[in-house]
């Protein structure tokens, strides 16, 4: 049921553009393509109550990241450090790269 086309990948730096965490910046920990969602570091935090599992261990309240829809995220270009739209380009050798539409530079990691 994936309807959204995503240009986001794991370890990308993104900014939340709408919702309760608007303006927050974080790194993508995981992309869930089935639901068009991503888990972003320290964004969309929720509390989960955990029962005590043994007699001597007490219960606790855990805080963890919940998935956020990818339409609410925008990639931050590592070259111009601005959020912007992303495009795909095919190079002469046939490889596909993502590029920033505002500065024209490649987003892929230099290795």
C-alpha atoms as a PDB file:
ATOM      1  CA  UNK A   1       0.000   0.000   0.000  1.00  0.00           C
ATOM      2  CA  UNK A   2       2.982   2.338  -0.411  1.00  0.00           C
ATOM      3  CA  UNK A   3       1.657   5.384  -2.250  1.00  0.00           C
ATOM      4  CA  UNK A   4       4.375   7.902  -1.428  1.00  0.00           C
ATOM      5  CA  UNK A   5       7.525   7.962  -3.499  1.00  0.00           C
ATOM      6  CA  UNK A   6      10.420   8.538  -1.113  1.00  0.00           C
ATOM      7  CA  UNK A   7      13.872   9.923  -1.660  1.00  0.00           C
ATOM      8  CA  UNK A   8      14.771   9.474   2.002  1.00  0.00           C
ATOM      9  CA  UNK A   9      17.275   6.879   3.180  1.00  0.00           C
ATOM     10  CA  UNK A  10      18.742   5.706   6.461  1.00  0.00           C
ATOM     11  CA  UNK A  11      21.265   8.163   8.045  1.00  0.00           C
ATOM     12  CA  UNK A  12      19.863  11.177   6.119  1.00  0.00           C
ATOM     13  CA  UNK A  13      19.588  14.446   8.071  1.00  0.00           C
ATOM     14  CA  UNK A  14      15.957  15.633   7.934  1.00  0.00           C
ATOM     15  CA  UNK A  15      13.781  18.414   9.329  1.00  0.00           C
ATOM     16  CA  UNK A  16      10.155  17.986  10.415  1.00  0.00           C
ATOM     17  CA  UNK A  17       8.038  20.440   8.410  1.00  0.00           C
ATOM     18  CA  UNK A  18       4.648  19.941  10.084  1.00  0.00           C
ATOM     19  CA  UNK A  19       3.082  18.521  13.224  1.00  0.00           C
ATOM     20  CA  UNK A  20       3.901  18.725  16.919  1.00  0.00           C
ATOM     21  CA  UNK A  21       7.680  18.469  16.291  1.00  0.00           C
ATOM     22  CA  UNK A  22       7.803  21.098  13.525  1.00  0.00           C
ATOM     23  CA  UNK A  23      11.301  22.543  13.117  1.00  0.00           C
ATOM     24  CA  UNK A  24      13.101  19.647  14.850  1.00  0.00           C
ATOM     25  CA  UNK A  25      16.103  18.158  13.069  1.00  0.00           C
ATOM     26  CA  UNK A  26      17.294  14.576  13.337  1.00  0.00           C
ATOM     27  CA  UNK A  27      18.876  11.611  11.603  1.00  0.00           C
ATOM     28  CA  UNK A  28      16.739   8.850  10.087  1.00  0.00           C
ATOM     29  CA  UNK A  29      17.217   5.619  12.016  1.00  0.00           C
ATOM     30  CA  UNK A  30      14.910   3.438   9.916  1.00  0.00           C
ATOM     31  CA  UNK A  31      12.579   3.788   6.910  1.00  0.00           C
ATOM     32  CA  UNK A  32       9.378   1.700   6.913  1.00  0.00           C
ATOM     33  CA  UNK A  33       8.340   1.644   3.233  1.00  0.00           C
ATOM     34  CA  UNK A  34       5.242  -0.473   3.874  1.00  0.00           C
ATOM     35  CA  UNK A  35       3.567   2.378   5.791  1.00  0.00           C
ATOM     36  CA  UNK A  36       5.436   5.333   4.163  1.00  0.00           C
ATOM     37  CA  UNK A  37       6.960   6.201   7.529  1.00  0.00           C
ATOM     38  CA  UNK A  38      10.378   6.822   9.015  1.00  0.00           C
ATOM     39  CA  UNK A  39      11.784   6.732  12.526  1.00  0.00           C
ATOM     40  CA  UNK A  40      13.804   9.871  13.225  1.00  0.00           C
ATOM     41  CA  UNK A  41      16.245  10.258  16.125  1.00  0.00           C
ATOM     42  CA  UNK A  42      14.666  12.141  19.125  1.00  0.00           C
ATOM     43  CA  UNK A  43      11.546  13.132  17.111  1.00  0.00           C
ATOM     44  CA  UNK A  44       7.927  12.070  17.825  1.00  0.00           C
ATOM     45  CA  UNK A  45       8.783  10.634  21.242  1.00  0.00           C
ATOM     46  CA  UNK A  46       6.113   8.493  22.939  1.00  0.00           C
ATOM     47  CA  UNK A  47       5.955   6.888  26.388  1.00  0.00           C
ATOM     48  CA  UNK A  48       5.453   3.162  26.792  1.00  0.00           C
ATOM     49  CA  UNK A  49       4.628   1.584  30.153  1.00  0.00           C
ATOM     50  CA  UNK A  50       6.449  -1.676  30.873  1.00  0.00           C
ATOM     51  CA  UNK A  51       5.188  -4.151  33.442  1.00  0.00           C
ATOM     52  CA  UNK A  52       7.513  -5.674  35.985  1.00  0.00           C
ATOM     53  CA  UNK A  53       8.693  -9.034  34.688  1.00  0.00           C
ATOM     54  CA  UNK A  54      10.084 -10.539  37.905  1.00  0.00           C
ATOM     55  CA  UNK A  55       9.352 -10.223  41.600  1.00  0.00           C
ATOM     56  CA  UNK A  56      12.375  -7.998  42.317  1.00  0.00           C
ATOM     57  CA  UNK A  57      12.202  -5.875  39.140  1.00  0.00           C
ATOM     58  CA  UNK A  58       9.892  -2.861  39.146  1.00  0.00           C
ATOM     59  CA  UNK A  59       7.916  -1.563  36.183  1.00  0.00           C
ATOM     60  CA  UNK A  60       9.106   1.446  34.242  1.00  0.00           C
ATOM     61  CA  UNK A  61       8.085   4.071  31.719  1.00  0.00           C
ATOM     62  CA  UNK A  62      10.164   3.959  28.539  1.00  0.00           C
ATOM     63  CA  UNK A  63      10.471   6.788  26.015  1.00  0.00           C
ATOM     64  CA  UNK A  64      11.047   5.823  22.393  1.00  0.00           C
ATOM     65  CA  UNK A  65      10.706   7.228  18.888  1.00  0.00           C
ATOM     66  CA  UNK A  66       7.468   6.558  17.020  1.00  0.00           C
ATOM     67  CA  UNK A  67       7.301   6.471  13.216  1.00  0.00           C
ATOM     68  CA  UNK A  68       6.429   9.724  11.445  1.00  0.00           C
ATOM     69  CA  UNK A  69       4.999   9.978   7.919  1.00  0.00           C
ATOM     70  CA  UNK A  70       7.636  10.773   5.298  1.00  0.00           C
ATOM     71  CA  UNK A  71       5.496  13.556   3.824  1.00  0.00           C
ATOM     72  CA  UNK A  72       6.145  15.472   7.076  1.00  0.00           C
ATOM     73  CA  UNK A  73       9.930  15.302   6.579  1.00  0.00           C
ATOM     74  CA  UNK A  74      12.247  17.265   4.326  1.00  0.00           C
ATOM     75  CA  UNK A  75      15.855  16.373   3.594  1.00  0.00           C
ATOM     76  CA  UNK A  76      18.630  18.788   4.584  1.00  0.00           C
ATOM     77  CA  UNK A  77      21.244  19.161   1.847  1.00  0.00           C
ATOM     78  CA  UNK A  78      24.752  18.477   3.238  1.00  0.00           C
ATOM     79  CA  UNK A  79      26.320  20.989   0.797  1.00  0.00           C
ATOM     80  CA  UNK A  80      24.121  24.098   1.144  1.00  0.00           C
ATOM     81  CA  UNK A  81      22.662  23.109   4.598  1.00  0.00           C
ATOM     82  CA  UNK A  82      19.144  24.112   3.500  1.00  0.00           C
ATOM     83  CA  UNK A  83      16.005  22.023   3.299  1.00  0.00           C
ATOM     84  CA  UNK A  84      14.771  21.622  -0.206  1.00  0.00           C
ATOM     85  CA  UNK A  85      13.382  19.401  -2.874  1.00  0.00           C
ATOM     86  CA  UNK A  86      15.313  16.389  -4.066  1.00  0.00           C
ATOM     87  CA  UNK A  87      15.653  15.016  -7.586  1.00  0.00           C
ATOM     88  CA  UNK A  88      17.181  11.939  -9.163  1.00  0.00           C
ATOM     89  CA  UNK A  89      19.780  12.049 -11.909  1.00  0.00           C
ATOM     90  CA  UNK A  90      21.341   9.269 -13.989  1.00  0.00           C
ATOM     91  CA  UNK A  91      25.081   9.697 -14.567  1.00  0.00           C
ATOM     92  CA  UNK A  92      27.006   8.708 -17.711  1.00  0.00           C
ATOM     93  CA  UNK A  93      28.083   5.397 -16.140  1.00  0.00           C
ATOM     94  CA  UNK A  94      24.422   4.491 -15.457  1.00  0.00           C
ATOM     95  CA  UNK A  95      24.354   5.050 -11.682  1.00  0.00           C
ATOM     96  CA  UNK A  96      21.445   6.923 -10.115  1.00  0.00           C
ATOM     97  CA  UNK A  97      22.163   9.697  -7.613  1.00  0.00           C
ATOM     98  CA  UNK A  98      19.998  12.060  -5.577  1.00  0.00           C
ATOM     99  CA  UNK A  99      20.690  15.777  -5.923  1.00  0.00           C
ATOM    100  CA  UNK A 100      19.534  18.994  -4.279  1.00  0.00           C
ATOM    101  CA  UNK A 101      17.348  21.021  -6.640  1.00  0.00           C
ATOM    102  CA  UNK A 102      18.349  24.350  -5.060  1.00  0.00           C
ATOM    103  CA  UNK A 103      22.156  24.031  -5.303  1.00  0.00           C
ATOM    104  CA  UNK A 104      22.449  21.193  -7.843  1.00  0.00           C
ATOM    105  CA  UNK A 105      24.986  19.232  -5.770  1.00  0.00           C
ATOM    106  CA  UNK A 106      24.899  15.484  -5.172  1.00  0.00           C
ATOM    107  CA  UNK A 107      23.507  14.291  -1.831  1.00  0.00           C
ATOM    108  CA  UNK A 108      25.152  10.859  -1.916  1.00  0.00           C
ATOM    109  CA  UNK A 109      28.039  10.246   0.469  1.00  0.00           C
ATOM    110  CA  UNK A 110      31.493  10.767  -0.991  1.00  0.00           C
ATOM    111  CA  UNK A 111      33.524   7.564  -0.600  1.00  0.00           C
END
